[in-house]
Amino acid sequence: GLGWARTGREVPMGPGDTLLLVTDGLVERRGEDIETGLGRLRRAAGA
């Protein structure tokens, strides 16, 4: 709704690759930088 020109990005997706999409309720914590939460998610995503 802010009138931005969106540009799509293409990335490879090979057999067995898994895409993970989440909302911020999973990673955000009070008093913590969002990057810290994203790092925690990245480490756990190997499961």
ModelCIF file with pLDDT and N, C-alpha, C, O atoms, coordinates in Angstrom:
data_MODEL
#
_entry.id   MODEL 
#
_entity.id                         1 
_entity.type                       polymer 
_entity.pdbx_number_of_molecules   1 
#
_entity_poly.entity_id                      1 
_entity_poly.type                           'polypeptide(L)' 
_entity_poly.nstd_linkage                   no 
_entity_poly.nstd_monomer                   no 
_entity_poly.pdbx_seq_one_letter_code       GLGWARTGREVPMGPGDTLLLVTDGLVERRGEDIETGLGRLRRAAGA 
_entity_poly.pdbx_seq_one_letter_code_can   GLGWARTGREVPMGPGDTLLLVTDGLVERRGEDIETGLGRLRRAAGA 
_entity_poly.pdbx_strand_id                 A 
#
loop_
_entity_poly_seq.entity_id 
_entity_poly_seq.num 
_entity_poly_seq.mon_id 
_entity_poly_seq.hetero 
1 1  GLY n 
1 2  LEU n 
1 3  GLY n 
1 4  TRP n 
1 5  ALA n 
1 6  ARG n 
1 7  THR n 
1 8  GLY n 
1 9  ARG n 
1 10 GLU n 
1 11 VAL n 
1 12 PRO n 
1 13 MET n 
1 14 GLY n 
1 15 PRO n 
1 16 GLY n 
1 17 ASP n 
1 18 THR n 
1 19 LEU n 
1 20 LEU n 
1 21 LEU n 
1 22 VAL n 
1 23 THR n 
1 24 ASP n 
1 25 GLY n 
1 26 LEU n 
1 27 VAL n 
1 28 GLU n 
1 29 ARG n 
1 30 ARG n 
1 31 GLY n 
1 32 GLU n 
1 33 ASP n 
1 34 ILE n 
1 35 GLU n 
1 36 THR n 
1 37 GLY n 
1 38 LEU n 
1 39 GLY n 
1 40 ARG n 
1 41 LEU n 
1 42 ARG n 
1 43 ARG n 
1 44 ALA n 
1 45 ALA n 
1 46 GLY n 
1 47 ALA n 
#
_struct_asym.id          A 
_struct_asym.entity_id   1 
#
loop_
_ma_qa_metric.id 
_ma_qa_metric.mode 
_ma_qa_metric.name 
_ma_qa_metric.software_group_id 
_ma_qa_metric.type 
1 global pLDDT . pLDDT 
2 local  pLDDT . pLDDT 
#
_ma_qa_metric_global.metric_id      1 
_ma_qa_metric_global.metric_value   89.49 
_ma_qa_metric_global.model_id       1 
_ma_qa_metric_global.ordinal_id     1 
#
loop_
_ma_qa_metric_local.label_asym_id 
_ma_qa_metric_local.label_comp_id 
_ma_qa_metric_local.label_seq_id 
_ma_qa_metric_local.metric_id 
_ma_qa_metric_local.metric_value 
_ma_qa_metric_local.model_id 
_ma_qa_metric_local.ordinal_id 
A GLY 1  2 80.00 1 1  
A LEU 2  2 77.00 1 2  
A GLY 3  2 69.00 1 3  
A TRP 4  2 76.00 1 4  
A ALA 5  2 79.00 1 5  
A ARG 6  2 83.00 1 6  
A THR 7  2 85.00 1 7  
A GLY 8  2 87.00 1 8  
A ARG 9  2 92.00 1 9  
A GLU 10 2 93.00 1 10 
A VAL 11 2 94.00 1 11 
A PRO 12 2 95.00 1 12 
A MET 13 2 95.00 1 13 
A GLY 14 2 94.00 1 14 
A PRO 15 2 95.00 1 15 
A GLY 16 2 94.00 1 16 
A ASP 17 2 95.00 1 17 
A THR 18 2 96.00 1 18 
A LEU 19 2 96.00 1 19 
A LEU 20 2 96.00 1 20 
A LEU 21 2 96.00 1 21 
A VAL 22 2 94.00 1 22 
A THR 23 2 91.00 1 23 
A ASP 24 2 89.00 1 24 
A GLY 25 2 86.00 1 25 
A LEU 26 2 89.00 1 26 
A VAL 27 2 89.00 1 27 
A GLU 28 2 87.00 1 28 
A ARG 29 2 85.00 1 29 
A ARG 30 2 81.00 1 30 
A GLY 31 2 82.00 1 31 
A GLU 32 2 87.00 1 32 
A ASP 33 2 88.00 1 33 
A ILE 34 2 90.00 1 34 
A GLU 35 2 91.00 1 35 
A THR 36 2 92.00 1 36 
A GLY 37 2 91.00 1 37 
A LEU 38 2 93.00 1 38 
A GLY 39 2 93.00 1 39 
A ARG 40 2 93.00 1 40 
A LEU 41 2 93.00 1 41 
A ARG 42 2 94.00 1 42 
A ARG 43 2 93.00 1 43 
A ALA 44 2 93.00 1 44 
A ALA 45 2 93.00 1 45 
A GLY 46 2 91.00 1 46 
A ALA 47 2 91.00 1 47 
#
loop_
_atom_site.group_PDB 
_atom_site.id 
_atom_site.type_symbol 
_atom_site.label_atom_id 
_atom_site.label_alt_id 
_atom_site.label_comp_id 
_atom_site.label_asym_id 
_atom_site.label_entity_id 
_atom_site.label_seq_id 
_atom_site.pdbx_PDB_ins_code 
_atom_site.Cartn_x 
_atom_site.Cartn_y 
_atom_site.Cartn_z 
_atom_site.occupancy 
_atom_site.B_iso_or_equiv 
_atom_site.pdbx_formal_charge 
_atom_site.auth_seq_id 
_atom_site.auth_comp_id 
_atom_site.auth_asym_id 
_atom_site.auth_atom_id 
_atom_site.pdbx_PDB_model_num 
ATOM 1   N N  . GLY A 1 1  ? 0.776  -1.226  0.000  1.00 80.00 ? 1  GLY A N  1 
ATOM 2   C CA . GLY A 1 1  ? 0.000  0.000   0.000  1.00 80.00 ? 1  GLY A CA 1 
ATOM 3   C C  . GLY A 1 1  ? 0.804  1.270   0.000  1.00 80.00 ? 1  GLY A C  1 
ATOM 4   O O  . GLY A 1 1  ? 0.240  2.361   0.078  1.00 80.00 ? 1  GLY A O  1 
ATOM 5   N N  . LEU A 1 2  ? 2.141  1.147   -0.088 1.00 77.00 ? 2  LEU A N  1 
ATOM 6   C CA . LEU A 1 2  ? 2.981  2.341   -0.056 1.00 77.00 ? 2  LEU A CA 1 
ATOM 7   C C  . LEU A 1 2  ? 3.524  2.704   -1.430 1.00 77.00 ? 2  LEU A C  1 
ATOM 8   O O  . LEU A 1 2  ? 4.434  3.526   -1.540 1.00 77.00 ? 2  LEU A O  1 
ATOM 9   N N  . GLY A 1 3  ? 2.962  2.086   -2.504 1.00 69.00 ? 3  GLY A N  1 
ATOM 10  C CA . GLY A 1 3  ? 3.309  2.471   -3.870 1.00 69.00 ? 3  GLY A CA 1 
ATOM 11  C C  . GLY A 1 3  ? 4.710  2.110   -4.285 1.00 69.00 ? 3  GLY A C  1 
ATOM 12  O O  . GLY A 1 3  ? 5.336  2.872   -5.022 1.00 69.00 ? 3  GLY A O  1 
ATOM 13  N N  . TRP A 1 4  ? 5.223  1.004   -3.855 1.00 76.00 ? 4  TRP A N  1 
ATOM 14  C CA . TRP A 1 4  ? 6.610  0.602   -4.123 1.00 76.00 ? 4  TRP A CA 1 
ATOM 15  C C  . TRP A 1 4  ? 6.654  -0.319  -5.339 1.00 76.00 ? 4  TRP A C  1 
ATOM 16  O O  . TRP A 1 4  ? 5.767  -1.153  -5.520 1.00 76.00 ? 4  TRP A O  1 
ATOM 17  N N  . ALA A 1 5  ? 7.655  -0.174  -6.147 1.00 79.00 ? 5  ALA A N  1 
ATOM 18  C CA . ALA A 1 5  ? 7.824  -1.077  -7.299 1.00 79.00 ? 5  ALA A CA 1 
ATOM 19  C C  . ALA A 1 5  ? 8.517  -2.342  -6.820 1.00 79.00 ? 5  ALA A C  1 
ATOM 20  O O  . ALA A 1 5  ? 9.690  -2.305  -6.447 1.00 79.00 ? 5  ALA A O  1 
ATOM 21  N N  . ARG A 1 6  ? 7.808  -3.453  -6.828 1.00 83.00 ? 6  ARG A N  1 
ATOM 22  C CA . ARG A 1 6  ? 8.355  -4.708  -6.305 1.00 83.00 ? 6  ARG A CA 1 
ATOM 23  C C  . ARG A 1 6  ? 9.167  -5.437  -7.383 1.00 83.00 ? 6  ARG A C  1 
ATOM 24  O O  . ARG A 1 6  ? 8.813  -5.420  -8.562 1.00 83.00 ? 6  ARG A O  1 
ATOM 25  N N  . THR A 1 7  ? 10.239 -6.065  -6.964 1.00 85.00 ? 7  THR A N  1 
ATOM 26  C CA . THR A 1 7  ? 11.088 -6.827  -7.880 1.00 85.00 ? 7  THR A CA 1 
ATOM 27  C C  . THR A 1 7  ? 11.242 -8.243  -7.346 1.00 85.00 ? 7  THR A C  1 
ATOM 28  O O  . THR A 1 7  ? 11.691 -8.446  -6.218 1.00 85.00 ? 7  THR A O  1 
ATOM 29  N N  . GLY A 1 8  ? 10.870 -9.209  -8.156 1.00 87.00 ? 8  GLY A N  1 
ATOM 30  C CA . GLY A 1 8  ? 11.007 -10.598 -7.732 1.00 87.00 ? 8  GLY A CA 1 
ATOM 31  C C  . GLY A 1 8  ? 12.442 -11.073 -7.846 1.00 87.00 ? 8  GLY A C  1 
ATOM 32  O O  . GLY A 1 8  ? 13.210 -10.587 -8.677 1.00 87.00 ? 8  GLY A O  1 
ATOM 33  N N  . ARG A 1 9  ? 12.799 -12.045 -6.987 1.00 92.00 ? 9  ARG A N  1 
ATOM 34  C CA . ARG A 1 9  ? 14.137 -12.648 -7.025 1.00 92.00 ? 9  ARG A CA 1 
ATOM 35  C C  . ARG A 1 9  ? 13.977 -14.140 -7.271 1.00 92.00 ? 9  ARG A C  1 
ATOM 36  O O  . ARG A 1 9  ? 13.038 -14.771 -6.787 1.00 92.00 ? 9  ARG A O  1 
ATOM 37  N N  . GLU A 1 10 ? 14.903 -14.681 -8.023 1.00 93.00 ? 10 GLU A N  1 
ATOM 38  C CA . GLU A 1 10 ? 14.847 -16.106 -8.330 1.00 93.00 ? 10 GLU A CA 1 
ATOM 39  C C  . GLU A 1 10 ? 16.004 -16.813 -7.652 1.00 93.00 ? 10 GLU A C  1 
ATOM 40  O O  . GLU A 1 10 ? 17.148 -16.364 -7.718 1.00 93.00 ? 10 GLU A O  1 
ATOM 41  N N  . VAL A 1 11 ? 15.694 -17.929 -6.998 1.00 94.00 ? 11 VAL A N  1 
ATOM 42  C CA . VAL A 1 11 ? 16.727 -18.723 -6.319 1.00 94.00 ? 11 VAL A CA 1 
ATOM 43  C C  . VAL A 1 11 ? 16.521 -20.175 -6.716 1.00 94.00 ? 11 VAL A C  1 
ATOM 44  O O  . VAL A 1 11 ? 15.396 -20.590 -6.995 1.00 94.00 ? 11 VAL A O  1 
ATOM 45  N N  . PRO A 1 12 ? 17.609 -20.956 -6.744 1.00 95.00 ? 12 PRO A N  1 
ATOM 46  C CA . PRO A 1 12 ? 17.480 -22.374 -7.123 1.00 95.00 ? 12 PRO A CA 1 
ATOM 47  C C  . PRO A 1 12 ? 16.764 -23.176 -6.027 1.00 95.00 ? 12 PRO A C  1 
ATOM 48  O O  . PRO A 1 12 ? 16.888 -22.872 -4.841 1.00 95.00 ? 12 PRO A O  1 
ATOM 49  N N  . MET A 1 13 ? 16.024 -24.192 -6.437 1.00 95.00 ? 13 MET A N  1 
ATOM 50  C CA . MET A 1 13 ? 15.315 -25.070 -5.506 1.00 95.00 ? 13 MET A CA 1 
ATOM 51  C C  . MET A 1 13 ? 15.466 -26.499 -6.020 1.00 95.00 ? 13 MET A C  1 
ATOM 52  O O  . MET A 1 13 ? 14.702 -26.963 -6.866 1.00 95.00 ? 13 MET A O  1 
ATOM 53  N N  . GLY A 1 14 ? 16.479 -27.180 -5.481 1.00 94.00 ? 14 GLY A N  1 
ATOM 54  C CA . GLY A 1 14 ? 16.767 -28.513 -5.948 1.00 94.00 ? 14 GLY A CA 1 
ATOM 55  C C  . GLY A 1 14 ? 15.945 -29.581 -5.245 1.00 94.00 ? 14 GLY A C  1 
ATOM 56  O O  . GLY A 1 14 ? 15.260 -29.267 -4.272 1.00 94.00 ? 14 GLY A O  1 
ATOM 57  N N  . PRO A 1 15 ? 15.984 -30.816 -5.691 1.00 95.00 ? 15 PRO A N  1 
ATOM 58  C CA . PRO A 1 15 ? 15.270 -31.919 -5.045 1.00 95.00 ? 15 PRO A CA 1 
ATOM 59  C C  . PRO A 1 15 ? 15.672 -32.046 -3.570 1.00 95.00 ? 15 PRO A C  1 
ATOM 60  O O  . PRO A 1 15 ? 16.859 -32.034 -3.245 1.00 95.00 ? 15 PRO A O  1 
ATOM 61  N N  . GLY A 1 16 ? 14.698 -32.165 -2.696 1.00 94.00 ? 16 GLY A N  1 
ATOM 62  C CA . GLY A 1 16 ? 14.958 -32.290 -1.263 1.00 94.00 ? 16 GLY A CA 1 
ATOM 63  C C  . GLY A 1 16 ? 15.127 -30.972 -0.545 1.00 94.00 ? 16 GLY A C  1 
ATOM 64  O O  . GLY A 1 16 ? 15.167 -30.947 0.685  1.00 94.00 ? 16 GLY A O  1 
ATOM 65  N N  . ASP A 1 17 ? 15.229 -29.855 -1.289 1.00 95.00 ? 17 ASP A N  1 
ATOM 66  C CA . ASP A 1 17 ? 15.328 -28.546 -0.637 1.00 95.00 ? 17 ASP A CA 1 
ATOM 67  C C  . ASP A 1 17 ? 13.987 -28.190 0.010  1.00 95.00 ? 17 ASP A C  1 
ATOM 68  O O  . ASP A 1 17 ? 12.923 -28.550 -0.494 1.00 95.00 ? 17 ASP A O  1 
ATOM 69  N N  . THR A 1 18 ? 14.063 -27.473 1.141  1.00 96.00 ? 18 THR A N  1 
ATOM 70  C CA . THR A 1 18 ? 12.854 -27.121 1.896  1.00 96.00 ? 18 THR A CA 1 
ATOM 71  C C  . THR A 1 18 ? 12.816 -25.621 2.149  1.00 96.00 ? 18 THR A C  1 
ATOM 72  O O  . THR A 1 18 ? 13.771 -25.048 2.674  1.00 96.00 ? 18 THR A O  1 
ATOM 73  N N  . LEU A 1 19 ? 11.717 -24.994 1.778  1.00 96.00 ? 19 LEU A N  1 
ATOM 74  C CA . LEU A 1 19 ? 11.509 -23.562 1.996  1.00 96.00 ? 19 LEU A CA 1 
ATOM 75  C C  . LEU A 1 19 ? 10.768 -23.363 3.317  1.00 96.00 ? 19 LEU A C  1 
ATOM 76  O O  . LEU A 1 19 ? 9.811  -24.077 3.615  1.00 96.00 ? 19 LEU A O  1 
ATOM 77  N N  . LEU A 1 20 ? 11.224 -22.381 4.109  1.00 96.00 ? 20 LEU A N  1 
ATOM 78  C CA . LEU A 1 20 ? 10.591 -22.061 5.397  1.00 96.00 ? 20 LEU A CA 1 
ATOM 79  C C  . LEU A 1 20 ? 10.152 -20.603 5.400  1.00 96.00 ? 20 LEU A C  1 
ATOM 80  O O  . LEU A 1 20 ? 10.964 -19.698 5.207  1.00 96.00 ? 20 LEU A O  1 
ATOM 81  N N  . LEU A 1 21 ? 8.846  -20.383 5.622  1.00 96.00 ? 21 LEU A N  1 
ATOM 82  C CA . LEU A 1 21 ? 8.279  -19.042 5.734  1.00 96.00 ? 21 LEU A CA 1 
ATOM 83  C C  . LEU A 1 21 ? 7.632  -18.910 7.121  1.00 96.00 ? 21 LEU A C  1 
ATOM 84  O O  . LEU A 1 21 ? 6.930  -19.818 7.565  1.00 96.00 ? 21 LEU A O  1 
ATOM 85  N N  . VAL A 1 22 ? 7.867  -17.780 7.803  1.00 94.00 ? 22 VAL A N  1 
ATOM 86  C CA . VAL A 1 22 ? 7.305  -17.596 9.151  1.00 94.00 ? 22 VAL A CA 1 
ATOM 87  C C  . VAL A 1 22 ? 6.821  -16.163 9.321  1.00 94.00 ? 22 VAL A C  1 
ATOM 88  O O  . VAL A 1 22 ? 7.155  -15.279 8.532  1.00 94.00 ? 22 VAL A O  1 
ATOM 89  N N  . THR A 1 23 ? 6.024  -15.954 10.372 1.00 91.00 ? 23 THR A N  1 
ATOM 90  C CA . THR A 1 23 ? 5.658  -14.598 10.796 1.00 91.00 ? 23 THR A CA 1 
ATOM 91  C C  . THR A 1 23 ? 6.525  -14.180 11.977 1.00 91.00 ? 23 THR A C  1 
ATOM 92  O O  . THR A 1 23 ? 7.198  -15.005 12.596 1.00 91.00 ? 23 THR A O  1 
ATOM 93  N N  . ASP A 1 24 ? 6.496  -12.888 12.277 1.00 89.00 ? 24 ASP A N  1 
ATOM 94  C CA . ASP A 1 24 ? 7.444  -12.371 13.268 1.00 89.00 ? 24 ASP A CA 1 
ATOM 95  C C  . ASP A 1 24 ? 7.173  -12.847 14.699 1.00 89.00 ? 24 ASP A C  1 
ATOM 96  O O  . ASP A 1 24 ? 8.048  -12.721 15.556 1.00 89.00 ? 24 ASP A O  1 
ATOM 97  N N  . GLY A 1 25 ? 5.966  -13.398 14.980 1.00 86.00 ? 25 GLY A N  1 
ATOM 98  C CA . GLY A 1 25 ? 5.689  -13.886 16.322 1.00 86.00 ? 25 GLY A CA 1 
ATOM 99  C C  . GLY A 1 25 ? 6.621  -15.005 16.747 1.00 86.00 ? 25 GLY A C  1 
ATOM 100 O O  . GLY A 1 25 ? 6.768  -15.275 17.939 1.00 86.00 ? 25 GLY A O  1 
ATOM 101 N N  . LEU A 1 26 ? 7.266  -15.675 15.754 1.00 89.00 ? 26 LEU A N  1 
ATOM 102 C CA . LEU A 1 26 ? 8.162  -16.766 16.083 1.00 89.00 ? 26 LEU A CA 1 
ATOM 103 C C  . LEU A 1 26 ? 9.545  -16.286 16.502 1.00 89.00 ? 26 LEU A C  1 
ATOM 104 O O  . LEU A 1 26 ? 10.221 -16.957 17.282 1.00 89.00 ? 26 LEU A O  1 
ATOM 105 N N  . VAL A 1 27 ? 9.969  -15.145 15.999 1.00 89.00 ? 27 VAL A N  1 
ATOM 106 C CA . VAL A 1 27 ? 11.362 -14.739 16.214 1.00 89.00 ? 27 VAL A CA 1 
ATOM 107 C C  . VAL A 1 27 ? 11.518 -13.505 17.093 1.00 89.00 ? 27 VAL A C  1 
ATOM 108 O O  . VAL A 1 27 ? 12.558 -13.333 17.729 1.00 89.00 ? 27 VAL A O  1 
ATOM 109 N N  . GLU A 1 28 ? 10.504 -12.645 17.141 1.00 87.00 ? 28 GLU A N  1 
ATOM 110 C CA . GLU A 1 28 ? 10.653 -11.407 17.900 1.00 87.00 ? 28 GLU A CA 1 
ATOM 111 C C  . GLU A 1 28 ? 10.509 -11.640 19.402 1.00 87.00 ? 28 GLU A C  1 
ATOM 112 O O  . GLU A 1 28 ? 9.640  -12.392 19.842 1.00 87.00 ? 28 GLU A O  1 
ATOM 113 N N  . ARG A 1 29 ? 11.365 -10.993 20.177 1.00 85.00 ? 29 ARG A N  1 
ATOM 114 C CA . ARG A 1 29 ? 11.282 -11.015 21.635 1.00 85.00 ? 29 ARG A CA 1 
ATOM 115 C C  . ARG A 1 29 ? 11.558 -9.608  22.153 1.00 85.00 ? 29 ARG A C  1 
ATOM 116 O O  . ARG A 1 29 ? 12.345 -8.854  21.582 1.00 85.00 ? 29 ARG A O  1 
ATOM 117 N N  . ARG A 1 30 ? 10.890 -9.285  23.243 1.00 81.00 ? 30 ARG A N  1 
ATOM 118 C CA . ARG A 1 30 ? 11.056 -7.942  23.803 1.00 81.00 ? 30 ARG A CA 1 
ATOM 119 C C  . ARG A 1 30 ? 12.513 -7.702  24.213 1.00 81.00 ? 30 ARG A C  1 
ATOM 120 O O  . ARG A 1 30 ? 13.165 -8.560  24.808 1.00 81.00 ? 30 ARG A O  1 
ATOM 121 N N  . GLY A 1 31 ? 12.992 -6.513  23.875 1.00 82.00 ? 31 GLY A N  1 
ATOM 122 C CA . GLY A 1 31 ? 14.344 -6.136  24.269 1.00 82.00 ? 31 GLY A CA 1 
ATOM 123 C C  . GLY A 1 31 ? 15.436 -6.812  23.476 1.00 82.00 ? 31 GLY A C  1 
ATOM 124 O O  . GLY A 1 31 ? 16.604 -6.762  23.863 1.00 82.00 ? 31 GLY A O  1 
ATOM 125 N N  . GLU A 1 32 ? 15.075 -7.454  22.357 1.00 87.00 ? 32 GLU A N  1 
ATOM 126 C CA . GLU A 1 32 ? 16.056 -8.191  21.572 1.00 87.00 ? 32 GLU A CA 1 
ATOM 127 C C  . GLU A 1 32 ? 16.007 -7.731  20.126 1.00 87.00 ? 32 GLU A C  1 
ATOM 128 O O  . GLU A 1 32 ? 14.932 -7.485  19.580 1.00 87.00 ? 32 GLU A O  1 
ATOM 129 N N  . ASP A 1 33 ? 17.167 -7.616  19.515 1.00 88.00 ? 33 ASP A N  1 
ATOM 130 C CA . ASP A 1 33 ? 17.236 -7.227  18.110 1.00 88.00 ? 33 ASP A CA 1 
ATOM 131 C C  . ASP A 1 33 ? 16.666 -8.350  17.244 1.00 88.00 ? 33 ASP A C  1 
ATOM 132 O O  . ASP A 1 33 ? 16.857 -9.530  17.539 1.00 88.00 ? 33 ASP A O  1 
ATOM 133 N N  . ILE A 1 34 ? 15.962 -7.969  16.168 1.00 90.00 ? 34 ILE A N  1 
ATOM 134 C CA . ILE A 1 34 ? 15.321 -8.949  15.308 1.00 90.00 ? 34 ILE A CA 1 
ATOM 135 C C  . ILE A 1 34 ? 16.340 -9.897  14.679 1.00 90.00 ? 34 ILE A C  1 
ATOM 136 O O  . ILE A 1 34 ? 16.021 -11.053 14.402 1.00 90.00 ? 34 ILE A O  1 
ATOM 137 N N  . GLU A 1 35 ? 17.544 -9.422  14.455 1.00 91.00 ? 35 GLU A N  1 
ATOM 138 C CA . GLU A 1 35 ? 18.569 -10.273 13.851 1.00 91.00 ? 35 GLU A CA 1 
ATOM 139 C C  . GLU A 1 35 ? 18.956 -11.418 14.770 1.00 91.00 ? 35 GLU A C  1 
ATOM 140 O O  . GLU A 1 35 ? 19.314 -12.502 14.310 1.00 91.00 ? 35 GLU A O  1 
ATOM 141 N N  . THR A 1 36 ? 18.883 -11.173 16.068 1.00 92.00 ? 36 THR A N  1 
ATOM 142 C CA . THR A 1 36 ? 19.178 -12.246 17.016 1.00 92.00 ? 36 THR A CA 1 
ATOM 143 C C  . THR A 1 36 ? 18.157 -13.370 16.881 1.00 92.00 ? 36 THR A C  1 
ATOM 144 O O  . THR A 1 36 ? 18.504 -14.550 16.902 1.00 92.00 ? 36 THR A O  1 
ATOM 145 N N  . GLY A 1 37 ? 16.893 -12.981 16.742 1.00 91.00 ? 37 GLY A N  1 
ATOM 146 C CA . GLY A 1 37 ? 15.850 -13.983 16.572 1.00 91.00 ? 37 GLY A CA 1 
ATOM 147 C C  . GLY A 1 37 ? 15.968 -14.731 15.261 1.00 91.00 ? 37 GLY A C  1 
ATOM 148 O O  . GLY A 1 37 ? 15.743 -15.941 15.211 1.00 91.00 ? 37 GLY A O  1 
ATOM 149 N N  . LEU A 1 38 ? 16.323 -14.016 14.187 1.00 93.00 ? 38 LEU A N  1 
ATOM 150 C CA . LEU A 1 38 ? 16.497 -14.670 12.895 1.00 93.00 ? 38 LEU A CA 1 
ATOM 151 C C  . LEU A 1 38 ? 17.677 -15.640 12.927 1.00 93.00 ? 38 LEU A C  1 
ATOM 152 O O  . LEU A 1 38 ? 17.635 -16.700 12.302 1.00 93.00 ? 38 LEU A O  1 
ATOM 153 N N  . GLY A 1 39 ? 18.722 -15.271 13.653 1.00 93.00 ? 39 GLY A N  1 
ATOM 154 C CA . GLY A 1 39 ? 19.863 -16.182 13.799 1.00 93.00 ? 39 GLY A CA 1 
ATOM 155 C C  . GLY A 1 39 ? 19.471 -17.446 14.548 1.00 93.00 ? 39 GLY A C  1 
ATOM 156 O O  . GLY A 1 39 ? 19.903 -18.546 14.201 1.00 93.00 ? 39 GLY A O  1 
ATOM 157 N N  . ARG A 1 40 ? 18.657 -17.281 15.570 1.00 93.00 ? 40 ARG A N  1 
ATOM 158 C CA . ARG A 1 40 ? 18.188 -18.441 16.330 1.00 93.00 ? 40 ARG A CA 1 
ATOM 159 C C  . ARG A 1 40 ? 17.344 -19.359 15.436 1.00 93.00 ? 40 ARG A C  1 
ATOM 160 O O  . ARG A 1 40 ? 17.460 -20.582 15.508 1.00 93.00 ? 40 ARG A O  1 
ATOM 161 N N  . LEU A 1 41 ? 16.492 -18.756 14.593 1.00 93.00 ? 41 LEU A N  1 
ATOM 162 C CA . LEU A 1 41 ? 15.664 -19.545 13.689 1.00 93.00 ? 41 LEU A CA 1 
ATOM 163 C C  . LEU A 1 41 ? 16.525 -20.270 12.666 1.00 93.00 ? 41 LEU A C  1 
ATOM 164 O O  . LEU A 1 41 ? 16.263 -21.428 12.340 1.00 93.00 ? 41 LEU A O  1 
ATOM 165 N N  . ARG A 1 42 ? 17.537 -19.605 12.166 1.00 94.00 ? 42 ARG A N  1 
ATOM 166 C CA . ARG A 1 42 ? 18.397 -20.234 11.149 1.00 94.00 ? 42 ARG A CA 1 
ATOM 167 C C  . ARG A 1 42 ? 19.100 -21.460 11.728 1.00 94.00 ? 42 ARG A C  1 
ATOM 168 O O  . ARG A 1 42 ? 19.222 -22.482 11.053 1.00 94.00 ? 42 ARG A O  1 
ATOM 169 N N  . ARG A 1 43 ? 19.562 -21.361 12.978 1.00 93.00 ? 43 ARG A N  1 
ATOM 170 C CA . ARG A 1 43 ? 20.241 -22.501 13.596 1.00 93.00 ? 43 ARG A CA 1 
ATOM 171 C C  . ARG A 1 43 ? 19.290 -23.674 13.821 1.00 93.00 ? 43 ARG A C  1 
ATOM 172 O O  . ARG A 1 43 ? 19.680 -24.836 13.708 1.00 93.00 ? 43 ARG A O  1 
ATOM 173 N N  . ALA A 1 44 ? 18.042 -23.355 14.139 1.00 93.00 ? 44 ALA A N  1 
ATOM 174 C CA . ALA A 1 44 ? 17.070 -24.423 14.404 1.00 93.00 ? 44 ALA A CA 1 
ATOM 175 C C  . ALA A 1 44 ? 16.515 -25.026 13.128 1.00 93.00 ? 44 ALA A C  1 
ATOM 176 O O  . ALA A 1 44 ? 16.025 -26.155 13.146 1.00 93.00 ? 44 ALA A O  1 
ATOM 177 N N  . ALA A 1 45 ? 16.581 -24.299 12.019 1.00 93.00 ? 45 ALA A N  1 
ATOM 178 C CA . ALA A 1 45 ? 15.920 -24.735 10.786 1.00 93.00 ? 45 ALA A CA 1 
ATOM 179 C C  . ALA A 1 45 ? 16.523 -26.005 10.216 1.00 93.00 ? 45 ALA A C  1 
ATOM 180 O O  . ALA A 1 45 ? 15.889 -26.667 9.394  1.00 93.00 ? 45 ALA A O  1 
ATOM 181 N N  . GLY A 1 46 ? 17.729 -26.362 10.629 1.00 91.00 ? 46 GLY A N  1 
ATOM 182 C CA . GLY A 1 46 ? 18.348 -27.584 10.122 1.00 91.00 ? 46 GLY A CA 1 
ATOM 183 C C  . GLY A 1 46 ? 17.527 -28.825 10.424 1.00 91.00 ? 46 GLY A C  1 
ATOM 184 O O  . GLY A 1 46 ? 17.701 -29.855 9.773  1.00 91.00 ? 46 GLY A O  1 
ATOM 185 N N  . ALA A 1 47 ? 16.628 -28.740 11.412 1.00 91.00 ? 47 ALA A N  1 
ATOM 186 C CA . ALA A 1 47 ? 15.781 -29.887 11.751 1.00 91.00 ? 47 ALA A CA 1 
ATOM 187 C C  . ALA A 1 47 ? 14.846 -30.252 10.613 1.00 91.00 ? 47 ALA A C  1 
ATOM 188 O O  . ALA A 1 47 ? 14.066 -31.196 10.735 1.00 91.00 ? 47 ALA A O  1 
#
